[in-house]
N, C-alpha and C. Protein backbone atom coordinates (compact mmCIF):
# COMPACT_ATOMS: atom_id res chain seq x y z
N ASN A 1 1.85 -12.60 -13.13
CA ASN A 1 1.59 -13.05 -11.86
C ASN A 1 0.46 -12.27 -11.25
N LEU A 2 -0.24 -12.93 -10.49
CA LEU A 2 -1.21 -12.40 -9.57
C LEU A 2 -0.68 -12.10 -8.35
N LYS A 3 -1.43 -10.96 -7.57
CA LYS A 3 -1.29 -10.53 -6.14
C LYS A 3 -1.57 -11.90 -5.37
N PRO A 4 -0.72 -12.32 -4.57
CA PRO A 4 0.23 -11.54 -3.74
C PRO A 4 1.76 -11.23 -4.28
N HIS A 5 1.92 -11.82 -5.46
CA HIS A 5 3.15 -11.64 -6.16
C HIS A 5 3.27 -10.03 -6.15
N PRO A 6 4.29 -9.66 -6.22
CA PRO A 6 4.85 -8.34 -6.38
C PRO A 6 4.80 -7.72 -7.67
N ALA A 7 4.85 -8.82 -8.74
CA ALA A 7 4.91 -8.22 -10.22
C ALA A 7 3.73 -7.12 -10.49
N PRO A 8 2.53 -6.96 -10.04
CA PRO A 8 1.70 -5.86 -10.54
C PRO A 8 2.25 -4.47 -10.19
N VAL A 9 2.65 -4.51 -8.79
CA VAL A 9 3.12 -3.53 -8.20
C VAL A 9 4.76 -2.97 -9.21
N LEU A 10 5.32 -4.05 -9.32
CA LEU A 10 6.85 -3.78 -9.99
C LEU A 10 6.38 -3.15 -11.22
N GLU A 11 5.43 -3.71 -12.01
CA GLU A 11 5.23 -3.47 -13.50
C GLU A 11 4.46 -1.99 -13.43
N ALA A 12 3.79 -1.58 -12.65
CA ALA A 12 3.39 -0.13 -12.30
C ALA A 12 4.41 0.92 -11.98
N ALA A 13 5.43 0.44 -11.11
CA ALA A 13 6.56 1.27 -10.91
C ALA A 13 7.37 1.53 -11.97
N LYS A 14 7.58 0.47 -12.95
CA LYS A 14 8.41 0.29 -14.11
C LYS A 14 7.58 1.29 -15.28
N ARG A 15 6.58 1.30 -15.29
CA ARG A 15 5.87 1.98 -16.33
C ARG A 15 5.83 3.26 -15.84
N LEU A 16 5.71 3.90 -14.53
CA LEU A 16 5.94 5.09 -14.11
C LEU A 16 7.36 5.55 -14.11
N ASN A 17 8.27 4.74 -14.43
CA ASN A 17 9.67 5.01 -14.21
C ASN A 17 10.05 5.43 -12.92
N ILE A 18 9.53 4.83 -11.90
CA ILE A 18 10.14 5.18 -10.51
C ILE A 18 10.47 3.80 -9.86
N HIS A 19 11.20 3.95 -8.71
CA HIS A 19 11.39 2.91 -7.81
C HIS A 19 10.12 2.70 -7.07
N PRO A 20 10.02 1.13 -6.69
CA PRO A 20 9.19 0.65 -6.12
C PRO A 20 9.09 1.01 -4.82
N SER A 21 10.14 1.58 -4.37
CA SER A 21 10.16 2.23 -2.92
C SER A 21 9.46 3.73 -2.89
N SER A 22 9.20 4.07 -4.11
CA SER A 22 8.46 5.35 -3.87
C SER A 22 6.87 5.29 -4.50
N CYS A 23 6.55 3.88 -4.47
CA CYS A 23 4.95 3.74 -4.81
C CYS A 23 4.30 3.64 -3.37
N VAL A 24 3.11 3.84 -3.68
CA VAL A 24 2.19 3.50 -2.55
C VAL A 24 1.23 2.52 -2.88
N MET A 25 1.07 1.43 -2.21
CA MET A 25 -0.18 0.16 -2.70
C MET A 25 -1.20 0.60 -1.62
N VAL A 26 -2.16 0.77 -2.14
CA VAL A 26 -3.49 1.02 -1.29
C VAL A 26 -4.80 -0.45 -1.47
N GLY A 27 -5.15 -0.73 -0.48
CA GLY A 27 -6.02 -2.00 -1.07
C GLY A 27 -6.71 -2.24 -0.05
N ASP A 28 -7.79 -3.10 -0.18
CA ASP A 28 -8.93 -3.51 0.72
C ASP A 28 -8.66 -5.00 1.12
N MET A 29 -7.80 -5.36 0.52
CA MET A 29 -7.64 -7.25 0.61
C MET A 29 -6.33 -7.22 0.93
N PRO A 30 -6.06 -8.27 1.91
CA PRO A 30 -4.66 -8.80 2.41
C PRO A 30 -3.54 -9.18 1.24
N LEU A 31 -4.21 -9.51 0.25
CA LEU A 31 -3.37 -9.75 -1.23
C LEU A 31 -2.48 -8.51 -1.57
N ASP A 32 -3.39 -7.31 -1.61
CA ASP A 32 -2.98 -6.17 -1.84
C ASP A 32 -1.84 -5.50 -1.14
N ILE A 33 -1.97 -5.86 0.55
CA ILE A 33 -0.98 -5.34 1.39
C ILE A 33 0.09 -6.08 1.04
N GLN A 34 0.16 -7.63 0.83
CA GLN A 34 1.07 -8.40 0.57
C GLN A 34 1.84 -8.22 -0.56
N ALA A 35 1.42 -7.84 -1.61
CA ALA A 35 1.85 -7.51 -2.68
C ALA A 35 2.77 -6.38 -2.67
N GLY A 36 2.44 -5.21 -2.10
CA GLY A 36 2.90 -4.01 -1.74
C GLY A 36 4.10 -4.30 -0.88
N LYS A 37 4.14 -5.29 0.31
CA LYS A 37 5.20 -5.34 0.93
C LYS A 37 6.45 -5.94 0.30
N LYS A 38 5.82 -7.00 -0.51
CA LYS A 38 6.99 -7.90 -1.26
C LYS A 38 7.61 -6.92 -2.13
N ALA A 39 7.02 -6.13 -2.90
CA ALA A 39 7.71 -4.98 -3.84
C ALA A 39 8.55 -3.69 -3.11
N LYS A 40 8.32 -3.70 -1.69
CA LYS A 40 8.93 -2.54 -1.06
C LYS A 40 8.15 -1.45 -1.15
N ALA A 41 7.02 -1.20 -1.35
CA ALA A 41 6.15 -0.16 -1.64
C ALA A 41 5.73 0.07 -0.23
N LEU A 42 5.15 1.33 0.12
CA LEU A 42 4.52 1.81 1.32
C LEU A 42 2.87 0.96 1.07
N THR A 43 2.70 0.71 2.18
CA THR A 43 1.27 -0.10 2.22
C THR A 43 0.33 0.74 2.98
N ILE A 44 -1.16 0.87 2.35
CA ILE A 44 -1.87 1.21 3.18
C ILE A 44 -3.30 0.51 2.86
N ALA A 45 -3.85 -0.05 4.23
CA ALA A 45 -5.03 -0.93 4.41
C ALA A 45 -6.24 0.07 4.32
N MET A 46 -7.12 -0.06 3.49
CA MET A 46 -8.48 0.65 3.46
C MET A 46 -9.61 -0.39 4.00
N LEU A 47 -10.09 -0.05 5.24
CA LEU A 47 -10.95 -0.78 5.98
C LEU A 47 -12.38 -0.48 5.31
N THR A 48 -12.54 -0.81 4.20
CA THR A 48 -13.69 -0.48 3.44
C THR A 48 -14.43 -1.67 3.16
N GLY A 49 -14.07 -2.86 3.54
CA GLY A 49 -14.30 -4.20 2.75
C GLY A 49 -14.71 -5.08 3.96
N ILE A 50 -14.88 -6.52 3.56
CA ILE A 50 -14.80 -7.75 4.62
C ILE A 50 -13.70 -8.25 5.38
N PHE A 51 -12.47 -7.70 4.97
CA PHE A 51 -11.29 -7.85 5.45
C PHE A 51 -10.55 -7.30 6.52
N ASP A 52 -11.49 -6.65 7.13
CA ASP A 52 -10.86 -5.67 8.18
C ASP A 52 -9.81 -6.34 9.17
N HIS A 53 -9.87 -7.24 9.77
CA HIS A 53 -9.07 -7.93 10.71
C HIS A 53 -7.81 -8.58 10.07
N ALA A 54 -8.11 -9.30 8.82
CA ALA A 54 -6.98 -9.67 8.24
C ALA A 54 -6.21 -8.66 7.62
N LEU A 55 -6.65 -7.17 7.19
CA LEU A 55 -5.75 -6.45 6.58
C LEU A 55 -5.00 -5.92 7.79
N VAL A 56 -5.48 -5.77 8.90
CA VAL A 56 -4.47 -5.34 10.06
C VAL A 56 -3.62 -6.24 10.46
N GLU A 57 -3.88 -7.39 10.52
CA GLU A 57 -2.66 -8.63 10.55
C GLU A 57 -1.53 -8.37 9.80
N CYS A 58 -1.67 -7.91 8.64
CA CYS A 58 -0.77 -7.74 7.31
C CYS A 58 0.33 -6.84 7.62
N GLN A 59 -0.23 -6.10 8.69
CA GLN A 59 0.68 -4.80 9.56
C GLN A 59 1.34 -3.95 8.32
N PRO A 60 0.01 -3.19 7.84
CA PRO A 60 0.20 -2.14 6.68
C PRO A 60 0.89 -1.17 7.23
N ASP A 61 1.68 -0.39 6.53
CA ASP A 61 2.20 1.14 7.10
C ASP A 61 1.01 2.06 7.43
N PHE A 62 0.01 1.96 7.13
CA PHE A 62 -1.15 2.76 7.39
C PHE A 62 -2.53 2.04 7.65
N VAL A 63 -3.42 2.30 8.29
CA VAL A 63 -4.54 1.86 8.15
C VAL A 63 -5.81 2.94 8.20
N PHE A 64 -6.55 2.74 7.27
CA PHE A 64 -7.77 4.19 7.33
C PHE A 64 -9.00 3.58 7.00
N LYS A 65 -10.10 4.19 7.67
CA LYS A 65 -11.27 3.77 7.77
C LYS A 65 -11.87 4.16 6.49
N SER A 66 -11.56 5.36 5.68
CA SER A 66 -12.38 6.04 4.72
C SER A 66 -11.25 6.53 3.83
N LEU A 67 -11.71 6.92 2.49
CA LEU A 67 -10.87 7.62 1.69
C LEU A 67 -10.77 9.12 2.23
N SER A 68 -11.75 9.87 2.75
CA SER A 68 -11.61 11.11 3.49
C SER A 68 -10.28 11.10 4.64
N GLU A 69 -10.24 10.22 5.31
CA GLU A 69 -9.26 9.68 6.41
C GLU A 69 -7.99 9.60 5.76
N LEU A 70 -7.75 8.95 4.68
CA LEU A 70 -6.46 9.14 3.93
C LEU A 70 -6.29 10.27 3.18
N ILE A 71 -7.08 11.16 2.67
CA ILE A 71 -6.92 12.23 2.27
C ILE A 71 -6.41 13.22 3.49
N GLU A 72 -6.88 13.22 4.45
CA GLU A 72 -6.63 14.22 5.70
C GLU A 72 -5.19 13.88 5.92
N ASN A 73 -4.79 12.74 5.72
CA ASN A 73 -3.35 12.09 6.30
C ASN A 73 -2.32 12.22 5.09
N LEU A 74 -2.62 12.62 4.19
CA LEU A 74 -1.69 12.80 2.97
C LEU A 74 -0.05 13.22 3.36
N ASP A 75 0.07 14.37 4.20
CA ASP A 75 1.41 14.96 4.39
C ASP A 75 2.09 13.82 5.27
N LEU A 76 1.34 13.03 6.16
CA LEU A 76 1.77 12.07 7.10
C LEU A 76 2.31 10.69 6.23
N ILE A 77 1.72 10.42 5.06
CA ILE A 77 1.88 9.68 4.33
C ILE A 77 3.16 9.79 3.48
N GLU A 78 3.06 11.31 2.75
CA GLU A 78 4.43 11.49 2.27
C GLU A 78 5.82 11.62 2.86
N SER A 79 5.62 11.84 4.11
CA SER A 79 6.70 12.17 5.21
C SER A 79 7.30 10.89 5.23
N LYS A 80 6.41 9.72 5.55
CA LYS A 80 6.84 8.39 5.71
C LYS A 80 7.45 7.62 4.07
N LEU A 81 7.06 8.29 3.13
CA LEU A 81 7.29 7.47 1.80
C LEU A 81 8.78 8.12 1.66
N PHE A 82 9.01 9.63 1.87
CA PHE A 82 10.32 10.14 1.44
C PHE A 82 11.38 9.46 2.74
N ALA A 83 10.81 9.05 3.96
CA ALA A 83 11.71 8.39 4.77
C ALA A 83 11.96 7.02 4.44
N MET A 84 11.29 6.21 3.43
CA MET A 84 11.90 5.07 3.35
C MET A 84 12.94 5.11 1.99
N GLU A 85 12.89 6.24 1.36
CA GLU A 85 13.75 6.11 0.27
C GLU A 85 15.12 6.33 0.64
């Protein structure tokens, strides 16, 4: 199954031997965010492509404009991830 089906995220969690709620789905397309949400993973939208408005409409847990911005917020992401468990 392809995104937005949660199967790719669920398979990754299975291979890592962790619960999907311990996963973070980072994507630059709405399908990425939708798949992550369906799998109950934390979702991060990267506004680096052509889908900026559509990504925000998917209501990801976080929205970042660059990889450096994501890295600067790792503590915040981690705290939200642990709050979901």
